[in-house]
Amino acid sequence: MQQIQKYLEDFRKISLDKIDSIKLMKRHDMKYVFHKDKLQSIFNYLYNDYQVLEIERNITFRYDNLYYDTDDYFFYYQHHNQKLNRYKLRCRRYNETKNCYFEIKFKTNKSKTIKTRILLNNKEINNELPEEAKEFARKTIAVNNGKIIDRVSPALWVGFNRITFANLINKERLTFDMNLTYTDKTSNTNKINNLIIAELKSDKISINSPFSKFLKGLNISPSNFSKYSMGIAITEKDIKSNRFKEKLKKLKTLI
């Protein structure tokens, strides 16, 4: 990470306050999955048009996430079975700022992502969801009138480092996640060191972005990749995962 941080020192920087002008809580997402050896070419392309997020001289940031699901993995199977109008629930801690949020991601039947969240008073992630998070979920989740929140428990820890870029003219945010780790219920950890997950977030369909066209020239195509779903498919050996077969095969070559 130190080498990447040094490489990005010459980029124009953007503060957290300014990047929040394009929060894109309702957005179109486009994900790309590739080997880390493509990063330098991609960063070279971004240099003129994108600014990199910097907080207290840091450019790379560690995120810790705890995903919640039911005992029968209702939310996992929503994704696996290609259901639209689906949810993911997590607590996310931003290690550098020490803030901790409970977040609900909703994928609409128009393939648009809507993220809602609340800042938690406790700056640590706990296995038991605080009542403030449960009450928020009851008002937000349209599954069994939100009562499904009373059935969830910790399902998977997901950690990664993130670099965030912004193009203020095009109102785009671009993130690169790396050093992905999965820790299951029995505290077994899988590390995927060579994988990069790039995500282009825009208020328009991202496939028309010049960045998407640039990646196409590198033979990098869009991928419907979910860190949570892939993590469950890897760590839960007996779970149904046939729809993720090709993604899992590619993922295992990068572990």
Protein backbone atom coordinates (compact mmCIF):
# COMPACT_ATOMS: atom_id res chain seq x y z
CA MET A 1 0.00 0.00 0.00
CA GLN A 2 2.92 2.36 0.64
CA GLN A 3 4.03 1.97 -2.97
CA ILE A 4 0.55 2.83 -4.25
CA GLN A 5 0.31 5.81 -1.89
CA LYS A 6 3.64 7.11 -3.19
CA TYR A 7 2.58 6.63 -6.80
CA LEU A 8 -0.58 8.71 -6.25
CA GLU A 9 1.18 11.60 -4.50
CA ASP A 10 1.28 13.65 -7.72
CA PHE A 11 -2.47 13.44 -8.27
CA ARG A 12 -4.62 16.44 -7.53
CA LYS A 13 -6.27 15.94 -4.16
CA ILE A 14 -9.87 16.38 -3.13
CA SER A 15 -11.14 16.77 0.43
CA LEU A 16 -13.93 14.77 2.02
CA ASP A 17 -16.15 17.87 2.12
CA LYS A 18 -15.81 18.45 -1.61
CA ILE A 19 -16.26 14.83 -2.63
CA ASP A 20 -19.46 14.75 -0.58
CA SER A 21 -20.97 17.06 -3.20
CA ILE A 22 -21.32 13.91 -5.32
CA LYS A 23 -22.42 11.43 -2.63
CA LEU A 24 -24.58 9.55 -5.16
CA MET A 25 -26.67 7.73 -2.57
CA LYS A 26 -29.04 6.97 -5.47
CA ARG A 27 -26.91 5.89 -8.40
CA HIS A 28 -26.00 3.51 -11.15
CA ASP A 29 -23.06 1.24 -10.32
CA MET A 30 -20.71 -0.54 -12.67
CA LYS A 31 -18.12 -2.94 -11.24
CA TYR A 32 -14.94 -4.30 -12.79
CA VAL A 33 -12.77 -7.11 -11.43
CA PHE A 34 -9.16 -7.56 -12.52
CA HIS A 35 -5.60 -8.39 -11.46
CA LYS A 36 -3.62 -5.73 -9.61
CA ASP A 37 -0.99 -5.60 -12.37
CA LYS A 38 -3.44 -3.44 -14.40
CA LEU A 39 -3.50 -0.67 -11.79
CA GLN A 40 -0.61 1.44 -13.04
CA SER A 41 -2.02 1.75 -16.57
CA ILE A 42 -5.41 2.69 -15.14
CA PHE A 43 -3.97 5.28 -12.77
CA ASN A 44 -2.05 6.83 -15.67
CA TYR A 45 -5.33 7.20 -17.53
CA LEU A 46 -7.04 8.86 -14.54
CA TYR A 47 -4.30 11.41 -13.90
CA ASN A 48 -5.67 14.35 -15.94
CA ASP A 49 -9.39 14.13 -15.19
CA TYR A 50 -9.74 12.69 -11.68
CA GLN A 51 -8.80 13.84 -8.21
CA VAL A 52 -7.94 11.42 -5.43
CA LEU A 53 -9.52 11.63 -1.97
CA GLU A 54 -7.06 12.62 0.76
CA ILE A 55 -7.80 12.73 4.50
CA GLU A 56 -5.03 13.84 6.86
CA ARG A 57 -2.42 12.96 4.21
CA ASN A 58 -3.85 9.48 3.74
CA ILE A 59 -4.94 8.26 0.31
CA THR A 60 -5.67 4.61 1.12
CA PHE A 61 -8.31 3.79 3.71
CA ARG A 62 -9.25 0.61 5.54
CA TYR A 63 -12.91 -0.39 5.76
CA ASP A 64 -14.22 -3.08 8.09
CA ASN A 65 -17.68 -4.45 7.37
CA LEU A 66 -19.91 -6.89 9.19
CA TYR A 67 -22.75 -8.23 7.04
CA TYR A 68 -25.95 -9.53 8.60
CA ASP A 69 -28.25 -12.22 7.23
CA THR A 70 -30.84 -14.72 8.40
CA ASP A 71 -29.92 -18.27 9.36
CA ASP A 72 -31.17 -19.44 5.96
CA TYR A 73 -29.27 -16.64 4.14
CA PHE A 74 -32.30 -14.80 2.81
CA PHE A 75 -30.31 -11.82 1.52
CA TYR A 76 -27.59 -13.98 -0.03
CA TYR A 77 -30.16 -16.01 -1.95
CA GLN A 78 -31.89 -12.86 -3.16
CA HIS A 79 -28.69 -12.09 -5.07
CA HIS A 80 -27.88 -15.67 -6.04
CA ASN A 81 -31.37 -16.16 -7.48
CA GLN A 82 -31.11 -12.85 -9.36
CA LYS A 83 -33.96 -11.19 -7.54
CA LEU A 84 -34.34 -7.48 -8.08
CA ASN A 85 -35.62 -5.18 -5.35
CA ARG A 86 -33.08 -6.87 -3.07
CA TYR A 87 -31.20 -5.80 0.05
CA LYS A 88 -27.89 -6.09 1.84
CA LEU A 89 -27.36 -5.12 5.47
CA ARG A 90 -24.05 -4.21 7.06
CA CYS A 91 -22.25 -2.19 9.66
CA ARG A 92 -19.25 -0.36 8.23
CA ARG A 93 -16.39 1.21 10.14
CA TYR A 94 -14.08 3.73 8.50
CA ASN A 95 -10.86 3.14 10.39
CA GLU A 96 -9.23 6.47 9.60
CA THR A 97 -12.18 8.65 10.62
CA LYS A 98 -13.40 6.20 13.32
CA ASN A 99 -17.00 6.63 12.16
CA CYS A 100 -19.31 3.62 12.16
CA TYR A 101 -22.54 3.36 10.14
CA PHE A 102 -25.39 0.91 9.77
CA GLU A 103 -26.12 0.74 6.04
CA ILE A 104 -28.87 -0.71 3.89
CA LYS A 105 -28.22 -1.19 0.17
CA PHE A 106 -31.25 -1.65 -2.06
CA LYS A 107 -30.98 -2.73 -5.69
CA THR A 108 -34.13 -1.67 -7.54
CA ASN A 109 -35.82 -3.44 -10.43
CA LYS A 110 -34.30 -0.69 -12.60
CA SER A 111 -30.81 -1.87 -11.52
CA LYS A 112 -30.27 1.32 -9.57
CA THR A 113 -28.59 1.21 -6.16
CA ILE A 114 -30.07 3.18 -3.27
CA LYS A 115 -27.98 3.32 -0.10
CA THR A 116 -29.38 4.60 3.17
CA ARG A 117 -27.51 4.71 6.44
CA ILE A 118 -27.35 6.08 9.95
CA LEU A 119 -24.33 7.05 12.01
CA LEU A 120 -24.04 4.80 15.04
CA ASN A 121 -23.25 6.29 18.42
CA ASN A 122 -20.94 3.38 19.22
CA LYS A 123 -17.82 3.70 17.08
CA GLU A 124 -17.26 -0.07 17.14
CA ILE A 125 -19.11 -2.83 15.30
CA ASN A 126 -20.96 -5.21 17.60
CA ASN A 127 -22.40 -8.62 16.78
CA GLU A 128 -25.75 -7.54 18.19
CA LEU A 129 -27.30 -4.75 16.15
CA PRO A 130 -28.13 -1.73 18.32
CA GLU A 131 -31.79 -0.86 18.67
CA GLU A 132 -31.28 2.36 16.67
CA ALA A 133 -30.19 0.24 13.68
CA LYS A 134 -33.10 -2.16 14.05
CA GLU A 135 -35.61 0.67 14.22
CA PHE A 136 -34.08 2.26 11.12
CA ALA A 137 -34.31 -1.07 9.26
CA ARG A 138 -37.93 -1.62 10.24
CA LYS A 139 -38.81 1.67 8.56
CA THR A 140 -36.65 1.04 5.49
CA ILE A 141 -36.90 -2.64 4.48
CA ALA A 142 -40.02 -3.67 2.60
CA VAL A 143 -39.73 -7.35 3.58
CA ASN A 144 -42.36 -8.60 6.03
CA ASN A 145 -42.90 -4.98 7.09
CA GLY A 146 -39.25 -4.77 8.14
CA LYS A 147 -39.67 -7.46 10.78
CA ILE A 148 -36.99 -9.57 9.09
CA ILE A 149 -34.44 -7.44 10.97
CA ASP A 150 -35.35 -9.39 14.12
CA ARG A 151 -34.14 -12.61 12.44
CA VAL A 152 -30.68 -11.48 11.32
CA SER A 153 -27.33 -12.21 12.91
CA PRO A 154 -23.67 -11.73 11.88
CA ALA A 155 -22.92 -13.63 8.67
CA LEU A 156 -19.51 -12.47 7.40
CA TRP A 157 -16.73 -9.99 8.08
CA VAL A 158 -15.37 -8.29 4.96
CA GLY A 159 -12.33 -6.01 5.07
CA PHE A 160 -10.51 -4.12 2.33
CA ASN A 161 -8.45 -1.05 1.51
CA ARG A 162 -10.05 1.60 -0.70
CA ILE A 163 -8.80 4.42 -2.91
CA THR A 164 -11.44 6.91 -4.06
CA PHE A 165 -11.32 9.22 -7.07
CA ALA A 166 -13.76 11.90 -8.18
CA ASN A 167 -14.54 13.57 -11.48
CA LEU A 168 -16.53 16.64 -10.50
CA ILE A 169 -17.36 17.59 -14.09
CA ASN A 170 -18.95 14.23 -14.91
CA LYS A 171 -20.25 13.78 -11.34
CA GLU A 172 -18.59 10.41 -11.02
CA ARG A 173 -17.01 8.61 -8.10
CA LEU A 174 -14.57 5.83 -8.77
CA THR A 175 -13.33 3.44 -6.09
CA PHE A 176 -10.66 0.75 -6.11
CA ASP A 177 -10.89 -1.92 -3.42
CA MET A 178 -7.95 -4.23 -2.69
CA ASN A 179 -6.45 -6.52 -0.04
CA LEU A 180 -9.82 -8.20 0.38
CA THR A 181 -10.25 -10.41 3.45
CA TYR A 182 -13.14 -12.63 4.46
CA THR A 183 -13.60 -13.86 8.03
CA ASP A 184 -16.39 -16.35 8.63
CA LYS A 185 -18.39 -17.26 11.73
CA THR A 186 -15.63 -19.62 12.94
CA SER A 187 -12.96 -16.90 12.58
CA ASN A 188 -11.32 -18.56 9.55
CA THR A 189 -9.88 -15.91 7.22
CA ASN A 190 -9.41 -15.96 3.45
CA LYS A 191 -7.16 -13.32 1.88
CA ILE A 192 -7.40 -12.36 -1.79
CA ASN A 193 -4.29 -10.28 -2.40
CA ASN A 194 -4.20 -9.89 -6.19
CA LEU A 195 -7.80 -8.87 -6.78
CA ILE A 196 -8.89 -5.31 -7.58
CA ILE A 197 -12.56 -4.38 -7.56
CA ALA A 198 -13.21 -1.07 -9.29
CA GLU A 199 -16.62 0.53 -9.04
CA LEU A 200 -17.84 3.45 -11.10
CA LYS A 201 -20.70 5.32 -9.44
CA SER A 202 -22.70 7.81 -11.46
CA ASP A 203 -26.18 9.29 -11.66
CA LYS A 204 -26.23 8.07 -15.29
CA ILE A 205 -25.72 4.60 -16.73
CA SER A 206 -21.99 4.15 -16.29
CA ILE A 207 -21.32 1.99 -19.34
CA ASN A 208 -21.21 5.17 -21.46
CA SER A 209 -18.42 6.65 -19.36
CA PRO A 210 -15.03 7.22 -21.03
CA PHE A 211 -13.53 5.22 -18.17
CA SER A 212 -15.66 2.21 -19.07
CA LYS A 213 -14.53 2.48 -22.69
CA PHE A 214 -10.90 2.69 -21.57
CA LEU A 215 -11.25 -0.51 -19.52
CA LYS A 216 -12.80 -2.24 -22.51
CA GLY A 217 -9.56 -1.53 -24.35
CA LEU A 218 -7.73 -3.42 -21.58
CA ASN A 219 -10.11 -6.38 -22.02
CA ILE A 220 -11.77 -5.61 -18.67
CA SER A 221 -15.53 -6.05 -18.86
CA PRO A 222 -18.25 -5.09 -16.37
CA SER A 223 -18.92 -7.68 -13.69
CA ASN A 224 -21.90 -8.15 -11.41
CA PHE A 225 -19.66 -8.76 -8.39
CA SER A 226 -20.82 -8.66 -4.79
CA LYS A 227 -18.17 -8.84 -2.08
CA TYR A 228 -20.70 -10.26 0.37
CA SER A 229 -22.19 -12.89 -1.92
CA MET A 230 -18.79 -14.04 -3.18
CA GLY A 231 -17.55 -14.22 0.39
CA ILE A 232 -20.46 -16.40 1.50
CA ALA A 233 -19.97 -18.66 -1.53
CA ILE A 234 -16.29 -19.08 -0.60
CA THR A 235 -16.61 -19.51 3.16
CA GLU A 236 -19.86 -21.51 3.42
CA LYS A 237 -18.96 -24.79 1.73
CA ASP A 238 -22.46 -26.31 1.71
CA ILE A 239 -24.31 -23.30 0.36
CA LYS A 240 -25.83 -23.24 -3.12
CA SER A 241 -23.57 -21.16 -5.41
CA ASN A 242 -23.97 -22.58 -8.93
CA ARG A 243 -24.91 -19.19 -10.42
CA PHE A 244 -21.55 -17.83 -9.21
CA LYS A 245 -19.51 -20.72 -10.67
CA GLU A 246 -17.57 -18.71 -13.27
CA LYS A 247 -16.90 -15.81 -10.91
CA LEU A 248 -15.67 -18.17 -8.21
CA LYS A 249 -13.35 -19.89 -10.64
CA LYS A 250 -11.79 -16.56 -11.61
CA LEU A 251 -11.66 -15.41 -8.00
CA LYS A 252 -9.77 -18.49 -6.83
CA THR A 253 -7.00 -17.81 -9.34
CA LEU A 254 -6.34 -14.52 -7.52
CA ILE A 255 -6.17 -15.87 -3.97
